Protein backbone atom coordinates (compact mmCIF):
# COMPACT_ATOMS: atom_id res chain seq x y z
CA MET A 1 -3.26 14.44 22.37
CA LYS A 2 -2.11 10.54 20.21
CA GLN A 3 -0.06 10.48 17.32
CA ALA A 4 -1.53 9.83 14.16
CA MET A 5 -0.72 6.79 12.08
CA ILE A 6 -1.09 6.00 8.58
CA VAL A 7 -3.00 2.39 8.49
CA SER A 8 -3.91 0.92 5.15
CA ALA A 9 -7.74 1.09 4.79
CA CYS A 10 -8.88 -2.68 4.00
CA LEU A 11 -6.88 -3.46 7.35
CA LEU A 12 -9.29 -1.41 9.37
CA GLY A 13 -12.63 -3.21 7.35
CA GLU A 14 -12.83 -0.73 4.57
CA ASN A 15 -14.06 -2.24 1.59
CA CYS A 16 -11.11 -1.17 -1.03
CA ARG A 17 -9.20 -4.19 -1.56
CA TYR A 18 -9.14 -5.36 -5.20
CA ASP A 19 -12.39 -7.54 -5.22
CA GLY A 20 -13.85 -5.15 -3.01
CA LYS A 21 -13.77 -6.66 0.33
CA ASP A 22 -11.66 -5.62 3.27
CA ASN A 23 -8.73 -7.76 5.28
CA LYS A 24 -9.85 -6.27 8.42
CA ASN A 25 -7.11 -6.62 10.68
CA ALA A 26 -7.02 -6.73 15.11
CA LEU A 27 -3.76 -5.72 15.33
CA ALA A 28 -4.02 -2.85 12.94
CA ILE A 29 -6.83 -2.28 14.92
CA GLY A 30 -5.83 -2.43 18.46
CA PHE A 31 -3.16 0.67 17.21
CA SER A 32 -5.47 2.93 17.84
CA SER A 33 -5.29 2.39 21.88
CA ARG A 34 -1.66 4.51 21.48
CA TYR A 35 -2.57 6.16 17.92
CA THR A 36 -4.98 8.22 15.83
CA LEU A 37 -6.24 5.82 13.03
CA ILE A 38 -5.97 7.39 9.64
CA PRO A 39 -7.03 5.05 6.87
CA VAL A 40 -5.56 5.43 2.88
CA CYS A 41 -5.85 3.17 0.50
CA PRO A 42 -3.53 4.05 -2.20
CA GLU A 43 -5.20 2.25 -5.21
CA VAL A 44 -8.49 4.38 -4.96
CA LEU A 45 -6.45 7.42 -3.63
CA GLY A 46 -5.08 7.12 -7.45
CA GLY A 47 -8.07 7.10 -8.44
CA LEU A 48 -8.82 3.35 -9.01
CA SER A 49 -12.64 1.81 -8.71
CA THR A 50 -13.40 -0.48 -6.57
CA PRO A 51 -13.53 -3.85 -7.15
CA ARG A 52 -10.86 -3.35 -9.89
CA VAL A 53 -8.54 -6.27 -11.44
CA PRO A 54 -5.53 -7.57 -9.34
CA CYS A 55 -2.31 -5.49 -10.46
CA GLU A 56 1.31 -6.91 -9.10
CA ILE A 57 4.44 -5.33 -10.08
CA VAL A 58 6.15 -6.42 -13.01
CA GLY A 59 10.24 -6.23 -13.37
CA GLY A 60 11.17 -5.40 -10.17
CA ARG A 61 10.31 -3.76 -7.13
CA GLY A 62 8.44 -0.66 -5.52
CA TYR A 63 11.64 1.30 -5.39
CA GLU A 64 11.89 0.25 -9.36
CA VAL A 65 8.56 1.38 -9.90
CA LEU A 66 9.16 4.96 -8.44
CA GLU A 67 12.27 5.57 -10.55
CA GLY A 68 10.93 3.95 -13.48
CA ARG A 69 12.31 1.23 -14.45
CA ALA A 70 9.15 -1.38 -13.28
CA CYS A 71 5.70 -1.24 -13.40
CA VAL A 72 2.22 -2.05 -11.64
CA LYS A 73 0.58 -4.10 -14.25
CA SER A 74 -3.37 -6.05 -14.05
CA SER A 75 -3.63 -9.67 -14.91
CA GLU A 76 -4.97 -8.17 -18.08
CA GLY A 77 -1.98 -6.50 -19.26
CA VAL A 78 -2.86 -3.43 -17.92
CA ASP A 79 -0.54 -0.74 -16.84
CA TYR A 80 -1.72 1.27 -14.16
CA THR A 81 1.57 2.58 -12.89
CA LYS A 82 0.67 6.17 -12.98
CA GLU A 83 -2.29 5.57 -10.68
CA TYR A 84 -0.18 3.29 -7.96
CA ILE A 85 2.69 6.42 -8.02
CA LYS A 86 -0.34 8.91 -7.93
CA GLY A 87 -2.21 7.22 -5.00
CA ALA A 88 1.60 6.52 -2.76
CA LYS A 89 2.21 10.32 -3.26
CA LYS A 90 -1.25 11.16 -2.04
CA ALA A 91 -0.77 9.04 0.74
CA LEU A 92 2.57 10.51 1.58
CA ALA A 93 0.67 13.87 1.60
CA ILE A 94 -1.71 13.01 3.89
CA ALA A 95 1.21 10.96 6.46
CA LYS A 96 2.94 14.51 6.52
CA GLU A 97 0.82 17.18 7.04
CA ASN A 98 -0.27 14.61 10.27
CA ASP A 99 3.20 14.59 10.86
CA VAL A 100 2.82 10.71 10.86
CA THR A 101 6.13 8.96 11.60
CA VAL A 102 4.79 5.36 11.28
CA ALA A 103 2.54 3.02 9.27
CA ALA A 104 0.56 -0.01 9.39
CA LEU A 105 0.41 -1.47 5.88
CA LYS A 106 -1.07 -4.42 4.50
CA SER A 107 1.61 -7.33 3.78
CA LYS A 108 2.01 -8.33 -0.04
CA SER A 109 0.49 -5.45 -1.41
CA PRO A 110 1.87 -3.94 -4.83
CA SER A 111 1.39 -0.76 -2.47
CA CYS A 112 1.16 -1.29 0.39
CA GLY A 113 3.30 -4.60 0.53
CA PHE A 114 7.05 -4.22 2.96
CA GLY A 115 8.93 -7.35 3.02
CA LYS A 116 7.02 -9.62 0.64
CA ILE A 117 5.41 -8.46 -2.58
CA TYR A 118 4.17 -11.19 -5.21
CA ASN A 119 6.47 -11.80 -7.93
CA GLY A 120 4.72 -10.12 -11.12
CA GLU A 121 3.50 -13.37 -12.67
CA PHE A 122 0.07 -13.69 -10.60
CA CYS A 123 1.45 -17.02 -9.93
CA LYS A 124 0.96 -15.81 -5.87
CA THR A 125 5.13 -16.82 -5.77
CA LEU A 126 6.49 -14.15 -3.19
CA VAL A 127 9.57 -12.38 -3.62
CA ASN A 128 11.63 -10.25 -1.01
CA GLY A 129 10.86 -6.66 -2.12
CA ASN A 130 8.03 -3.58 -1.01
CA GLY A 131 5.36 -2.34 -2.67
CA VAL A 132 4.93 1.28 -3.82
CA LEU A 133 3.60 3.38 -1.13
CA ALA A 134 5.39 1.16 1.36
CA GLN A 135 9.09 2.69 -0.71
CA LEU A 136 7.88 5.93 -0.68
CA LEU A 137 7.57 5.85 3.13
CA LEU A 138 10.45 4.38 3.71
CA LYS A 139 12.37 6.86 1.90
CA GLU A 140 10.86 9.77 3.82
CA GLY A 141 11.77 8.16 6.69
CA ILE A 142 8.62 6.52 8.54
CA LYS A 143 8.76 3.26 10.21
CA ILE A 144 6.49 0.55 8.37
CA ILE A 145 4.84 -2.60 10.56
CA SER A 146 3.42 -5.22 8.03
CA CYS A 147 0.05 -6.72 8.72
CA ASP A 148 -0.96 -9.79 6.81
């Protein structure tokens, strides 16, 4: 039996991005030869619709969102921090239920971004940091592979 892997659902071709499209990714799909892939979209798990207004972490990074020192806001200024945390926690619960030790996540996302995320000013500028889900998974010892 293959080990399970959490994968950002958009990387597997699910139309769950903020703009209603996907980020289908050959690398992520290719992991199916070694792992049982479990698609998750933290934004959808948190109760957000598809499509939705784009969001970025404002005032920090994923760990600061989890500590209550930063927030996730839309380009229109609406605070969606609760939904992002709720979705990340649900995705983590799925990971734990399936004994996941590795995740393939969409780069740059305020949820799934690993290593680089947008700076919170909606100007397409990247900064070092992780999204909310990526940070939560790391805290639990789950290895992350970033996919564009």
